[in-house]
Amino acid sequence: MRKSRGVGVALAVAALTQLLFVQAAHADTFLAQAAWPPRLAEPMQPVAGPRVLLRADNPSARLQQFTPLRWRDVCIAPCGVTVDPAATYRIGGGTSISSETFMLPRAAGDVYIEADVGSKVKHWVGLGLMIGGVVAAGYGLMWWQFFSGADDPYNSSLNDFRDTARNVGLVIIGVGAVLEIVGLVMFAGGTSVRVK
């Protein structure tokens, strides 16, 4: 009989303990629901300034704002954000060549920025072509100079060989000149910006 009473008491204590845990869990849920939704932060004051609309021919181009430590990305095309009218800006970022810095023309309203963006990849490929053009032209000039000289009146096959070698040298000089021109055009391509 004592044993059954002990088991009964243990079961009663276990049931009471479980009931208390369930009540505590419901109380926590009730408190959490009473605090929901969380209080919103104070509304931010809207930034007063112009709205910028950016059109760029390169999707990686970004409007960037100068901060005391670095250039900070503001937006990518088509933009449409309100910005600080007194800040200094440029177009850059990613693989685009950075433009010259510019200021916004007005402190309110819409400001349109059109950018023709130069590529850093094209810039460095252009430099490589320019170097290759100089090397090829120099090699062609050496080749042409090596086979230049007085013709031998008694050996026409030697004269024909020299003429062919000089022509090869001239072709190599021409290839070098073409590489130089193409490289210069690619190297010189930068980013131009029109602000309206």
Protein backbone atom coordinates (compact mmCIF):
# COMPACT_ATOMS: atom_id res chain seq x y z
CA MET A 1 0.00 0.00 0.00
CA ARG A 2 2.86 2.33 0.83
CA LYS A 3 4.40 1.59 -2.51
CA SER A 4 1.25 2.50 -4.42
CA ARG A 5 0.93 5.71 -2.40
CA GLY A 6 4.52 6.65 -3.30
CA VAL A 7 3.84 6.01 -6.98
CA GLY A 8 0.66 8.07 -6.78
CA VAL A 9 2.49 10.96 -5.11
CA ALA A 10 5.26 10.79 -7.72
CA LEU A 11 2.70 10.85 -10.52
CA ALA A 12 0.88 13.77 -8.92
CA VAL A 13 4.17 15.72 -8.55
CA ALA A 14 5.08 14.99 -12.19
CA ALA A 15 1.65 16.12 -13.41
CA LEU A 16 1.83 19.29 -11.32
CA THR A 17 5.33 20.04 -12.58
CA GLN A 18 4.24 19.59 -16.19
CA LEU A 19 1.21 21.81 -15.60
CA LEU A 20 3.46 24.54 -14.20
CA PHE A 21 5.83 24.31 -17.24
CA VAL A 22 2.88 24.52 -19.63
CA GLN A 23 1.53 27.55 -17.76
CA ALA A 24 4.99 29.22 -17.87
CA ALA A 25 5.28 28.54 -21.61
CA HIS A 26 1.83 30.06 -22.21
CA ALA A 27 2.80 33.09 -20.12
CA ASP A 28 5.96 33.62 -22.23
CA THR A 29 3.92 33.33 -25.42
CA PHE A 30 1.38 35.80 -24.09
CA LEU A 31 4.13 38.30 -23.18
CA ALA A 32 5.75 37.90 -26.59
CA GLN A 33 2.43 38.44 -28.33
CA ALA A 34 1.71 41.50 -26.24
CA ALA A 35 5.02 43.04 -27.40
CA TRP A 36 4.38 42.23 -31.09
CA PRO A 37 4.89 43.96 -33.47
CA PRO A 38 8.07 45.54 -32.19
CA ARG A 39 8.13 49.28 -31.92
CA LEU A 40 9.27 51.02 -35.08
CA ALA A 41 12.30 53.24 -35.08
CA GLU A 42 11.81 56.93 -35.40
CA PRO A 43 11.26 57.84 -39.05
CA MET A 44 14.37 59.15 -40.82
CA GLN A 45 14.30 62.64 -42.13
CA PRO A 46 14.20 62.57 -45.93
CA VAL A 47 17.38 63.62 -47.68
CA ALA A 48 16.83 67.02 -49.25
CA GLY A 49 18.44 67.26 -52.66
CA PRO A 50 18.08 66.43 -56.31
CA ARG A 51 16.99 63.08 -57.68
CA VAL A 52 19.67 61.61 -59.96
CA LEU A 53 18.79 59.66 -63.10
CA LEU A 54 21.80 57.85 -64.59
CA ARG A 55 22.09 56.53 -68.14
CA ALA A 56 25.28 54.61 -68.89
CA ASP A 57 26.35 52.38 -71.77
CA ASN A 58 28.04 49.95 -69.35
CA PRO A 59 25.96 48.06 -66.76
CA SER A 60 28.85 47.95 -64.27
CA ALA A 61 29.12 51.76 -64.08
CA ARG A 62 28.10 53.33 -60.78
CA LEU A 63 27.52 56.81 -59.48
CA GLN A 64 30.05 57.30 -56.71
CA GLN A 65 30.21 59.98 -54.00
CA PHE A 66 33.45 61.23 -52.46
CA THR A 67 33.67 60.73 -48.71
CA PRO A 68 36.63 61.73 -46.54
CA LEU A 69 38.08 58.19 -46.66
CA ARG A 70 37.06 56.75 -50.03
CA TRP A 71 34.65 56.80 -52.95
CA ARG A 72 31.28 55.31 -51.94
CA ASP A 73 28.90 53.69 -54.44
CA VAL A 74 25.56 55.52 -54.51
CA CYS A 75 23.63 53.66 -57.21
CA ILE A 76 23.74 51.96 -60.61
CA ALA A 77 21.77 52.92 -63.71
CA PRO A 78 18.98 54.01 -63.85
CA CYS A 79 19.52 55.24 -60.27
CA GLY A 80 16.58 57.45 -59.24
CA VAL A 81 17.82 58.24 -55.71
CA THR A 82 17.94 61.55 -53.89
CA VAL A 83 21.51 62.66 -53.19
CA ASP A 84 23.45 65.37 -51.40
CA PRO A 85 23.62 68.43 -53.67
CA ALA A 86 26.91 69.67 -52.18
CA ALA A 87 28.91 66.46 -52.60
CA THR A 88 31.49 65.60 -55.27
CA TYR A 89 30.62 62.74 -57.62
CA ARG A 90 32.11 60.62 -60.40
CA ILE A 91 31.14 57.64 -62.54
CA GLY A 92 33.26 54.54 -61.89
CA GLY A 93 33.36 51.17 -60.22
CA GLY A 94 33.85 47.62 -61.40
CA THR A 95 35.73 47.38 -64.69
CA SER A 96 34.92 50.95 -65.72
CA ILE A 97 37.44 53.73 -65.92
CA SER A 98 36.62 56.47 -63.42
CA SER A 99 35.43 59.77 -64.86
CA GLU A 100 36.51 63.23 -63.89
CA THR A 101 34.82 64.49 -60.73
CA PHE A 102 31.76 66.69 -61.06
CA MET A 103 29.23 68.58 -58.95
CA LEU A 104 25.49 68.57 -59.46
CA PRO A 105 24.10 71.65 -61.26
CA ARG A 106 21.14 72.24 -58.93
CA ALA A 107 20.03 71.50 -55.39
CA ALA A 108 16.54 70.21 -56.21
CA GLY A 109 14.62 68.57 -59.03
CA ASP A 110 15.79 65.91 -61.44
CA VAL A 111 19.43 65.77 -62.56
CA TYR A 112 20.21 63.67 -65.64
CA ILE A 113 23.66 62.12 -65.97
CA GLU A 114 24.67 60.49 -69.25
CA ALA A 115 27.89 58.51 -69.26
CA ASP A 116 29.95 56.91 -72.01
CA VAL A 117 31.98 54.53 -69.91
CA GLY A 118 35.48 53.38 -70.79
CA SER A 119 36.64 49.89 -69.91
CA LYS A 120 39.76 49.13 -67.85
CA VAL A 121 40.13 45.87 -69.78
CA LYS A 122 40.19 47.70 -73.14
CA HIS A 123 42.57 50.24 -71.64
CA TRP A 124 45.15 47.61 -70.64
CA VAL A 125 44.68 45.59 -73.85
CA GLY A 126 45.35 48.82 -75.74
CA LEU A 127 48.56 49.32 -73.78
CA GLY A 128 49.62 45.76 -74.65
CA LEU A 129 48.90 46.37 -78.35
CA MET A 130 50.90 49.60 -78.26
CA ILE A 131 53.89 47.80 -76.75
CA GLY A 132 53.50 44.97 -79.30
CA GLY A 133 53.30 47.52 -82.11
CA VAL A 134 56.54 49.19 -81.05
CA VAL A 135 58.31 45.81 -80.77
CA ALA A 136 57.01 44.64 -84.18
CA ALA A 137 57.93 47.91 -85.88
CA GLY A 138 61.42 47.80 -84.35
CA TYR A 139 61.90 44.19 -85.43
CA GLY A 140 60.69 45.02 -88.98
CA LEU A 141 63.04 48.00 -89.15
CA MET A 142 65.99 45.83 -88.07
CA TRP A 143 65.02 43.21 -90.66
CA TRP A 144 64.71 45.81 -93.40
CA GLN A 145 67.99 47.50 -92.40
CA PHE A 146 69.88 44.18 -92.26
CA PHE A 147 68.98 43.31 -95.85
CA SER A 148 69.41 46.81 -97.25
CA GLY A 149 72.55 47.57 -99.12
CA ALA A 150 73.97 47.78 -102.57
CA ASP A 151 72.76 45.22 -105.09
CA ASP A 152 75.29 42.76 -106.45
CA PRO A 153 75.39 43.23 -110.24
CA TYR A 154 76.59 39.63 -110.78
CA ASN A 155 74.21 37.73 -108.47
CA SER A 156 70.55 38.27 -109.33
CA SER A 157 69.26 35.52 -107.00
CA LEU A 158 70.92 37.29 -104.02
CA ASN A 159 69.33 40.55 -105.14
CA ASP A 160 65.91 38.86 -105.34
CA PHE A 161 66.36 37.41 -101.84
CA ARG A 162 67.32 40.85 -100.47
CA ASP A 163 64.28 42.45 -102.12
CA THR A 164 61.98 39.82 -100.62
CA ALA A 165 63.57 40.20 -97.17
CA ARG A 166 63.23 44.02 -97.35
CA ASN A 167 59.57 43.62 -98.33
CA VAL A 168 59.01 41.29 -95.34
CA GLY A 169 60.61 43.94 -93.11
CA LEU A 170 58.28 46.60 -94.54
CA VAL A 171 55.23 44.37 -93.94
CA ILE A 172 56.31 43.82 -90.31
CA ILE A 173 56.76 47.60 -89.89
CA GLY A 174 53.23 48.07 -91.30
CA VAL A 175 51.77 45.49 -88.90
CA GLY A 176 53.53 47.24 -86.02
CA ALA A 177 52.09 50.60 -87.10
CA VAL A 178 48.55 49.15 -87.27
CA LEU A 179 48.94 47.59 -83.80
CA GLU A 180 50.19 50.91 -82.48
CA ILE A 181 47.20 52.84 -83.87
CA VAL A 182 44.60 50.33 -82.65
CA GLY A 183 46.28 50.15 -79.24
CA LEU A 184 46.39 53.94 -78.96
CA VAL A 185 42.66 54.22 -79.73
CA MET A 186 41.81 51.54 -77.14
CA PHE A 187 44.19 52.97 -74.54
CA ALA A 188 42.86 56.51 -74.90
CA GLY A 189 39.19 55.55 -74.40
CA GLY A 190 38.05 56.98 -71.07
CA THR A 191 34.75 57.83 -69.38
CA SER A 192 32.93 60.97 -70.41
CA VAL A 193 30.01 62.40 -68.45
CA ARG A 194 27.31 64.92 -69.36
CA VAL A 195 25.29 66.36 -66.47
CA LYS A 196 22.03 68.16 -67.22
